[in-house]
Amino acid sequence: MKSTSLSLTESFVKIFLPIFLFSMVLLNSSCSTDNEDTIEVIDSSEISDDTENNDGTDNDVDENPDTSGAIEFEENFVLEDNRRLVNFVLSNNEYNKFLEGEGDVKMVSQKVYEHFNDDFDFIFILSVEEQQPDGLYYGRSYKIKNDVQGLGMSLYEGTPEYGSLGTLKSVIHMPRTEYIVNGPFLHEIAHYWSNHSFIPTTIGGHWGYSSAGGQLGGFDELIDLGNNTYQGKLNGKNGFGPNANGGNSVPYSNIELYAMGLISSGELESIQVAENPERGSAFGQFTADAITTLTNADLITQHGERVPSVQNSQKSFKALAVIISTTKIGEDQSDTISRHLENFARQGTPDGYWGNTYNFWTATGERASLDVQVLDEDLK
């Protein structure tokens, strides 16, 4: 039977180096979850040393903002009465491209900045499909820039081509508005920070067969079954997803909170990583050549401290939701989507119809907030 532990030097040579070289060659990654859902993350290939850090503070906030009344910027581009979403009516051809995985997200974001100031960290593009389109991802995240050091990626700036002057972090597309509640909404947001080679993985862009145990997959408990076979568990139950774990039903894990700048490097926990894992026949079981433990010190030595640190990191984020459709959405549909968005961004527990799923505030352990309300000051 092979050893189930490796020295740190052997770990870096056998695990970190191949993954690092692969990530430098291929910045686009995609995967399938255990139920064959596809969740993708796409990183901009334009890399430079320029970056802009937004600490999320606003020292000039109107205490009584005007947040009511629809605004028709153009016939096909309307800010709804609830001021939480924009309805962008596309041609059948342009709309269907999103259902084929080839949607023009730059066209959408550039339209946004014709009428809005550069106030948004995220732009959420949501199609209005009643059923999941065959063969399409459940969510896709376009990482526009990287302004954080110490997470495994170089700093780069790709915002101009999306119409932003430097604030935009990522654009996310999901084919159904119901995914605001069910997920993978939390998952796609997490992709801005993770996993860009912070730990080695055979599941590009995700935690894979590791003890990360969060939105981007992984287990939180590992049982050695002998003969290089292991059982991964999550929340006390057998099974886990290498790509994702149950949509919005799990909070952000320790390593995800660290990557987001919400806990300190001293709070970062050790991570177990499987070498050359292969899926087994039972849910959550797999084989591996060895299990390596990467300590807090190992990870900080490899990547450096996170900059900005938890003391200076951004903790308040702002987003604009753009609902794309081929005809104008009705008032009832608009109100339903608005309710979903309000619950997702609420600094408190979501309404009962959410069941046991998390919103952004609760998934971060009440450490970070997300604002989806459009204010007059956001308009040009």
Protein backbone atom coordinates (compact mmCIF):
# COMPACT_ATOMS: atom_id res chain seq x y z
CA MET A 1 0.00 0.00 0.00
CA LYS A 2 1.32 3.44 -0.91
CA SER A 3 2.02 6.11 1.67
CA THR A 4 -0.80 8.53 2.40
CA SER A 5 1.51 11.46 3.14
CA LEU A 6 4.17 13.36 1.21
CA SER A 7 6.90 15.77 2.20
CA LEU A 8 6.27 19.44 1.45
CA THR A 9 9.03 19.47 -1.19
CA GLU A 10 7.61 16.42 -2.95
CA SER A 11 4.14 17.97 -2.76
CA PHE A 12 5.18 21.16 -4.52
CA VAL A 13 7.05 19.28 -7.26
CA LYS A 14 4.38 16.67 -7.90
CA ILE A 15 1.28 18.81 -7.39
CA PHE A 16 1.89 22.56 -7.51
CA LEU A 17 4.25 22.71 -10.48
CA PRO A 18 2.07 20.86 -13.05
CA ILE A 19 -1.03 22.77 -12.03
CA PHE A 20 0.81 26.09 -12.09
CA LEU A 21 2.20 25.48 -15.57
CA PHE A 22 -1.19 24.33 -16.84
CA SER A 23 -2.92 27.42 -15.48
CA MET A 24 -0.42 29.69 -17.19
CA VAL A 25 -1.22 28.04 -20.54
CA LEU A 26 -5.00 27.85 -20.22
CA LEU A 27 -6.95 30.58 -18.45
CA ASN A 28 -10.38 29.28 -19.48
CA SER A 29 -11.80 26.44 -17.41
CA SER A 30 -15.07 24.54 -17.18
CA CYS A 31 -16.44 21.51 -15.38
CA SER A 32 -19.48 19.38 -14.67
CA THR A 33 -20.97 18.80 -11.26
CA ASP A 34 -22.01 15.39 -9.99
CA ASN A 35 -25.43 15.76 -11.58
CA GLU A 36 -23.84 16.81 -14.87
CA ASP A 37 -24.62 20.52 -14.46
CA THR A 38 -21.95 22.65 -16.11
CA ILE A 39 -20.58 25.61 -14.19
CA GLU A 40 -17.87 27.63 -15.83
CA VAL A 41 -15.44 30.40 -14.98
CA ILE A 42 -13.74 32.44 -17.66
CA ASP A 43 -10.80 34.68 -16.84
CA SER A 44 -9.78 37.64 -18.97
CA SER A 45 -6.54 37.00 -20.84
CA GLU A 46 -5.50 40.67 -20.78
CA ILE A 47 -2.91 40.90 -18.00
CA SER A 48 -1.06 43.94 -16.72
CA ASP A 49 0.30 45.23 -13.44
CA ASP A 50 -2.37 47.94 -13.23
CA THR A 51 -5.06 47.51 -10.59
CA GLU A 52 -7.59 49.58 -8.74
CA ASN A 53 -8.60 48.75 -5.19
CA ASN A 54 -12.12 49.68 -4.13
CA ASP A 55 -12.65 49.49 -0.37
CA GLY A 56 -16.40 49.62 -0.83
CA THR A 57 -16.92 52.75 1.25
CA ASP A 58 -19.07 55.70 0.23
CA ASN A 59 -18.74 58.91 2.19
CA ASP A 60 -21.43 60.80 0.31
CA VAL A 61 -24.60 58.74 0.59
CA ASP A 62 -28.04 60.33 0.29
CA GLU A 63 -29.98 59.39 3.42
CA ASN A 64 -33.28 59.59 1.51
CA PRO A 65 -32.53 58.29 -1.99
CA ASP A 66 -35.17 58.26 -4.70
CA THR A 67 -35.53 54.55 -5.48
CA SER A 68 -38.95 54.44 -7.11
CA GLY A 69 -40.28 54.73 -10.65
CA ALA A 70 -39.32 53.05 -13.90
CA ILE A 71 -36.90 54.76 -16.28
CA GLU A 72 -37.01 53.98 -19.99
CA PHE A 73 -33.49 54.74 -21.16
CA GLU A 74 -34.30 53.22 -24.53
CA GLU A 75 -37.34 51.32 -25.77
CA ASN A 76 -35.53 48.02 -25.16
CA PHE A 77 -33.58 49.04 -22.03
CA VAL A 78 -35.71 49.87 -19.00
CA LEU A 79 -34.98 50.23 -15.29
CA GLU A 80 -37.98 48.63 -13.58
CA ASP A 81 -40.18 50.31 -10.97
CA ASN A 82 -38.57 48.35 -8.16
CA ARG A 83 -35.16 49.81 -9.07
CA ARG A 84 -33.48 46.45 -8.58
CA LEU A 85 -33.24 45.28 -12.18
CA VAL A 86 -32.97 46.40 -15.76
CA ASN A 87 -34.90 44.64 -18.51
CA PHE A 88 -32.84 44.48 -21.71
CA VAL A 89 -34.97 43.24 -24.63
CA LEU A 90 -32.81 41.51 -27.23
CA SER A 91 -33.46 40.19 -30.69
CA ASN A 92 -34.20 36.47 -30.89
CA ASN A 93 -30.78 35.95 -32.44
CA GLU A 94 -28.87 37.77 -29.69
CA TYR A 95 -30.93 36.19 -26.91
CA ASN A 96 -30.51 32.67 -28.27
CA LYS A 97 -26.74 33.09 -28.32
CA PHE A 98 -26.84 33.14 -24.52
CA LEU A 99 -28.73 29.84 -24.56
CA GLU A 100 -26.01 28.38 -26.76
CA GLY A 101 -23.20 29.52 -24.47
CA GLU A 102 -22.08 32.25 -26.86
CA GLY A 103 -23.83 35.32 -25.47
CA ASP A 104 -22.23 38.72 -26.03
CA VAL A 105 -21.69 39.81 -22.43
CA LYS A 106 -19.55 42.76 -23.51
CA MET A 107 -22.47 44.12 -25.53
CA VAL A 108 -24.63 43.95 -22.39
CA SER A 109 -22.08 45.55 -20.08
CA GLN A 110 -21.26 48.29 -22.58
CA LYS A 111 -24.98 49.08 -22.82
CA VAL A 112 -25.10 49.33 -19.03
CA TYR A 113 -22.36 51.96 -18.98
CA GLU A 114 -24.13 54.08 -21.57
CA HIS A 115 -26.70 54.87 -18.88
CA PHE A 116 -25.09 54.02 -15.52
CA ASN A 117 -22.03 55.23 -13.68
CA ASP A 118 -19.14 52.89 -13.00
CA ASP A 119 -20.52 51.91 -9.58
CA PHE A 120 -20.90 48.14 -9.88
CA ASP A 121 -18.56 45.37 -8.74
CA PHE A 122 -20.72 42.76 -10.48
CA ILE A 123 -23.16 42.71 -13.38
CA PHE A 124 -25.63 39.82 -13.20
CA ILE A 125 -27.13 38.81 -16.55
CA LEU A 126 -30.19 36.59 -16.15
CA SER A 127 -32.13 34.92 -18.94
CA VAL A 128 -35.80 34.12 -18.37
CA GLU A 129 -35.92 30.44 -19.33
CA GLU A 130 -38.58 28.33 -17.63
CA GLN A 131 -36.46 25.17 -17.99
CA GLN A 132 -32.72 24.60 -17.99
CA PRO A 133 -31.57 24.60 -21.64
CA ASP A 134 -30.11 21.28 -22.73
CA GLY A 135 -26.34 21.21 -22.72
CA LEU A 136 -25.96 24.70 -21.26
CA TYR A 137 -24.08 25.63 -18.12
CA TYR A 138 -26.12 26.56 -15.04
CA GLY A 139 -23.87 29.54 -14.44
CA ARG A 140 -20.88 31.22 -16.02
CA SER A 141 -18.59 33.79 -14.45
CA TYR A 142 -16.43 36.14 -16.52
CA LYS A 143 -13.59 37.42 -14.36
CA ILE A 144 -12.77 40.87 -15.71
CA LYS A 145 -9.79 41.83 -13.61
CA ASN A 146 -7.73 40.70 -10.64
CA ASP A 147 -6.94 43.25 -7.95
CA VAL A 148 -5.93 40.86 -5.15
CA GLN A 149 -2.46 39.50 -4.50
CA GLY A 150 -1.71 36.24 -2.74
CA LEU A 151 -4.42 34.05 -4.28
CA GLY A 152 -2.42 32.39 -7.06
CA MET A 153 -2.97 34.84 -9.92
CA SER A 154 -1.16 37.86 -11.30
CA LEU A 155 -2.76 41.27 -11.16
CA TYR A 156 -4.45 42.26 -14.40
CA GLU A 157 -6.92 44.82 -15.71
CA GLY A 158 -9.49 44.00 -18.40
CA THR A 159 -12.32 46.37 -17.50
CA PRO A 160 -12.07 48.87 -20.44
CA GLU A 161 -13.29 46.37 -23.02
CA TYR A 162 -16.43 45.83 -20.93
CA GLY A 163 -17.12 49.56 -20.66
CA SER A 164 -16.02 49.94 -17.03
CA LEU A 165 -13.47 52.48 -15.84
CA GLY A 166 -12.04 50.07 -13.29
CA THR A 167 -14.72 49.08 -10.80
CA LEU A 168 -16.23 46.01 -12.49
CA LYS A 169 -14.91 42.70 -11.13
CA SER A 170 -16.93 40.12 -13.03
CA VAL A 171 -19.97 39.53 -15.17
CA ILE A 172 -22.14 36.53 -14.35
CA HIS A 173 -24.72 34.86 -16.58
CA MET A 174 -27.34 32.37 -15.43
CA PRO A 175 -30.07 31.06 -17.76
CA ARG A 176 -32.91 31.09 -15.18
CA THR A 177 -33.86 33.72 -12.60
CA GLU A 178 -34.79 30.93 -10.15
CA TYR A 179 -31.07 30.31 -9.71
CA ILE A 180 -30.90 33.47 -7.61
CA VAL A 181 -32.59 31.40 -4.88
CA ASN A 182 -31.37 27.88 -5.64
CA GLY A 183 -27.88 28.60 -6.87
CA PRO A 184 -25.33 28.58 -8.40
CA PHE A 185 -25.49 32.32 -7.56
CA LEU A 186 -23.18 32.13 -4.52
CA HIS A 187 -20.90 29.79 -6.47
CA GLU A 188 -20.47 32.16 -9.41
CA ILE A 189 -19.69 35.13 -7.17
CA ALA A 190 -17.02 33.05 -5.39
CA HIS A 191 -15.25 32.53 -8.70
CA TYR A 192 -13.94 36.08 -8.63
CA TRP A 193 -11.55 35.05 -5.86
CA SER A 194 -11.25 31.26 -6.22
CA ASN A 195 -9.80 28.81 -7.26
CA HIS A 196 -7.09 30.27 -9.44
CA SER A 197 -4.31 27.85 -8.50
CA PHE A 198 -4.40 28.75 -4.80
CA ILE A 199 -4.47 25.03 -4.13
CA PRO A 200 -3.74 22.33 -6.75
CA THR A 201 -6.77 20.76 -8.38
CA THR A 202 -7.63 18.42 -11.21
CA ILE A 203 -11.02 20.18 -11.57
CA GLY A 204 -10.11 23.47 -13.23
CA GLY A 205 -11.23 26.55 -11.31
CA HIS A 206 -12.72 24.53 -8.43
CA TRP A 207 -11.60 22.89 -5.18
CA GLY A 208 -11.91 19.38 -6.57
CA TYR A 209 -10.81 16.53 -4.32
CA SER A 210 -9.75 18.62 -1.34
CA SER A 211 -11.00 19.51 2.12
CA ALA A 212 -12.03 23.01 1.00
CA GLY A 213 -15.66 21.92 1.47
CA GLY A 214 -17.43 24.99 0.11
CA GLN A 215 -19.25 26.58 -2.81
CA LEU A 216 -16.62 25.48 -5.31
CA GLY A 217 -16.71 21.86 -4.21
CA GLY A 218 -14.64 19.69 -1.91
CA PHE A 219 -15.27 17.73 1.28
CA ASP A 220 -14.89 18.78 4.92
CA GLU A 221 -14.15 15.31 6.32
CA LEU A 222 -12.13 12.45 4.86
CA ILE A 223 -12.29 8.77 5.80
CA ASP A 224 -9.42 6.47 4.79
CA LEU A 225 -11.03 3.20 3.61
CA GLY A 226 -7.69 1.53 2.89
CA ASN A 227 -6.06 0.53 -0.41
CA ASN A 228 -5.75 4.18 -1.41
CA THR A 229 -9.54 4.57 -1.35
CA TYR A 230 -11.23 7.41 0.50
CA GLN A 231 -14.72 8.59 1.44
CA GLY A 232 -15.31 12.31 1.33
CA LYS A 233 -18.05 13.71 3.56
CA LEU A 234 -19.72 17.08 3.83
CA ASN A 235 -21.70 18.30 6.84
CA GLY A 236 -21.57 14.81 8.36
CA LYS A 237 -23.00 13.03 5.31
CA ASN A 238 -21.27 10.81 2.76
CA GLY A 239 -20.65 12.54 -0.55
CA PHE A 240 -19.45 15.84 -1.96
CA GLY A 241 -19.10 17.53 -5.32
CA PRO A 242 -15.65 18.20 -6.80
CA ASN A 243 -17.18 21.16 -8.67
CA ALA A 244 -19.94 22.41 -6.39
CA ASN A 245 -21.93 21.49 -3.30
CA GLY A 246 -25.68 21.89 -3.46
CA GLY A 247 -26.14 25.35 -4.90
CA ASN A 248 -27.00 27.99 -2.30
CA SER A 249 -27.54 25.34 0.39
CA VAL A 250 -23.98 25.61 1.76
CA PRO A 251 -22.20 28.71 3.09
CA TYR A 252 -18.77 29.90 2.04
CA SER A 253 -16.08 27.73 3.58
CA ASN A 254 -12.98 28.76 5.52
CA ILE A 255 -10.73 28.91 2.46
CA GLU A 256 -13.37 30.83 0.49
CA LEU A 257 -13.79 33.37 3.28
CA TYR A 258 -10.03 33.86 3.33
CA ALA A 259 -9.87 34.31 -0.45
CA MET A 260 -12.69 36.88 -0.21
CA GLY A 261 -10.72 38.82 2.39
CA LEU A 262 -13.22 38.14 5.16
CA ILE A 263 -10.95 36.30 7.61
CA SER A 264 -7.26 36.74 8.42
CA SER A 265 -4.36 34.56 7.30
CA GLY A 266 -4.09 33.35 10.88
CA GLU A 267 -7.62 31.94 10.62
CA LEU A 268 -6.89 30.06 7.39
CA GLU A 269 -7.08 26.32 8.07
CA SER A 270 -4.94 23.51 6.67
CA ILE A 271 -6.20 21.83 3.50
CA GLN A 272 -5.99 18.17 2.49
CA VAL A 273 -5.45 17.64 -1.24
CA ALA A 274 -5.71 14.32 -3.08
CA GLU A 275 -2.96 13.49 -5.57
CA ASN A 276 -4.16 12.00 -8.88
CA PRO A 277 -7.73 11.40 -7.65
CA GLU A 278 -10.15 9.18 -9.54
CA ARG A 279 -13.89 9.09 -8.89
CA GLY A 280 -15.16 5.88 -7.31
CA SER A 281 -18.44 4.04 -7.75
CA ALA A 282 -20.10 5.36 -4.56
CA PHE A 283 -21.03 9.00 -3.98
CA GLY A 284 -18.06 10.85 -2.56
CA GLN A 285 -15.66 7.91 -2.81
CA PHE A 286 -12.43 8.19 -4.77
CA THR A 287 -8.97 6.73 -5.10
CA ALA A 288 -5.76 8.73 -4.88
CA ASP A 289 -2.03 8.10 -4.88
CA ALA A 290 -1.70 10.07 -1.66
CA ILE A 291 -3.31 12.77 0.49
CA THR A 292 -1.16 15.84 1.09
CA THR A 293 -1.82 18.34 3.88
CA LEU A 294 -1.06 21.95 3.04
CA THR A 295 -0.81 24.01 6.19
CA ASN A 296 -1.56 27.67 6.69
CA ALA A 297 2.18 28.34 6.58
CA ASP A 298 2.62 26.32 3.37
CA LEU A 299 -0.04 28.32 1.54
CA ILE A 300 1.22 31.71 2.73
CA THR A 301 4.80 30.76 1.86
CA GLN A 302 3.72 29.64 -1.61
CA HIS A 303 1.55 32.64 -2.48
CA GLY A 304 2.39 35.38 0.01
CA GLU A 305 -0.05 37.16 2.28
CA ARG A 306 -3.35 38.28 0.81
CA VAL A 307 -3.20 41.94 -0.23
CA PRO A 308 -5.36 43.70 0.75
CA SER A 309 -5.58 41.91 4.11
CA VAL A 310 -8.79 41.39 6.05
CA GLN A 311 -8.26 44.76 7.74
CA ASN A 312 -8.36 46.62 4.40
CA SER A 313 -10.35 44.33 2.13
CA GLN A 314 -13.61 45.31 0.46
CA LYS A 315 -16.63 44.01 2.33
CA SER A 316 -19.48 45.97 0.77
CA PHE A 317 -20.26 45.18 -2.86
CA LYS A 318 -22.68 46.63 -5.39
CA ALA A 319 -24.27 44.84 -8.34
CA LEU A 320 -26.65 45.51 -11.21
CA ALA A 321 -29.05 42.81 -12.39
CA VAL A 322 -29.85 42.82 -16.11
CA ILE A 323 -32.75 40.60 -17.15
CA ILE A 324 -32.49 39.69 -20.82
CA SER A 325 -35.57 38.63 -22.78
CA THR A 326 -37.05 38.80 -26.27
CA THR A 327 -40.17 40.70 -25.13
CA LYS A 328 -40.65 43.03 -22.21
CA ILE A 329 -41.13 41.15 -18.95
CA GLY A 330 -44.44 41.62 -17.16
CA GLU A 331 -44.98 43.38 -13.87
CA ASP A 332 -45.55 40.14 -11.96
CA GLN A 333 -42.35 38.61 -13.29
CA SER A 334 -40.41 41.77 -12.53
CA ASP A 335 -41.74 41.81 -8.96
CA THR A 336 -40.85 38.14 -8.44
CA ILE A 337 -37.29 38.62 -9.66
CA SER A 338 -37.00 41.77 -7.56
CA ARG A 339 -38.11 39.81 -4.50
CA HIS A 340 -35.48 37.14 -5.18
CA LEU A 341 -32.78 39.80 -5.52
CA GLU A 342 -33.87 41.62 -2.36
CA ASN A 343 -33.69 38.37 -0.41
CA PHE A 344 -30.30 37.50 -1.85
CA ALA A 345 -28.87 40.91 -0.93
CA ARG A 346 -30.68 41.30 2.40
CA GLN A 347 -28.55 41.83 5.48
CA GLY A 348 -30.62 39.29 7.36
CA THR A 349 -32.28 35.91 6.96
CA PRO A 350 -34.15 35.38 3.64
CA ASP A 351 -37.91 34.85 3.56
CA GLY A 352 -39.33 31.44 4.41
CA TYR A 353 -39.81 30.40 0.79
CA TRP A 354 -36.00 30.21 0.48
CA GLY A 355 -36.05 27.15 2.75
CA ASN A 356 -32.58 26.35 4.07
CA THR A 357 -30.63 28.18 1.38
CA TYR A 358 -28.21 31.00 2.14
CA ASN A 359 -28.12 34.52 0.81
CA PHE A 360 -24.88 36.46 0.39
CA TRP A 361 -24.95 37.97 3.90
CA THR A 362 -25.58 34.70 5.71
CA ALA A 363 -23.21 32.70 3.47
CA THR A 364 -20.36 35.00 4.49
CA GLY A 365 -21.22 34.61 8.16
CA GLU A 366 -22.51 38.22 8.18
CA ARG A 367 -19.06 39.47 7.18
CA ALA A 368 -19.93 41.04 3.80
CA SER A 369 -22.89 42.69 2.10
CA LEU A 370 -24.22 43.05 -1.43
CA ASP A 371 -26.34 45.99 -2.62
CA VAL A 372 -28.60 45.54 -5.66
CA GLN A 373 -30.70 48.71 -5.25
CA VAL A 374 -30.21 51.31 -7.99
CA LEU A 375 -29.99 54.87 -6.67
CA ASP A 376 -30.26 58.15 -8.56
CA GLU A 377 -26.54 58.66 -8.01
CA ASP A 378 -25.87 55.48 -10.04
CA LEU A 379 -27.48 57.06 -13.13
CA LYS A 380 -25.69 59.17 -15.70
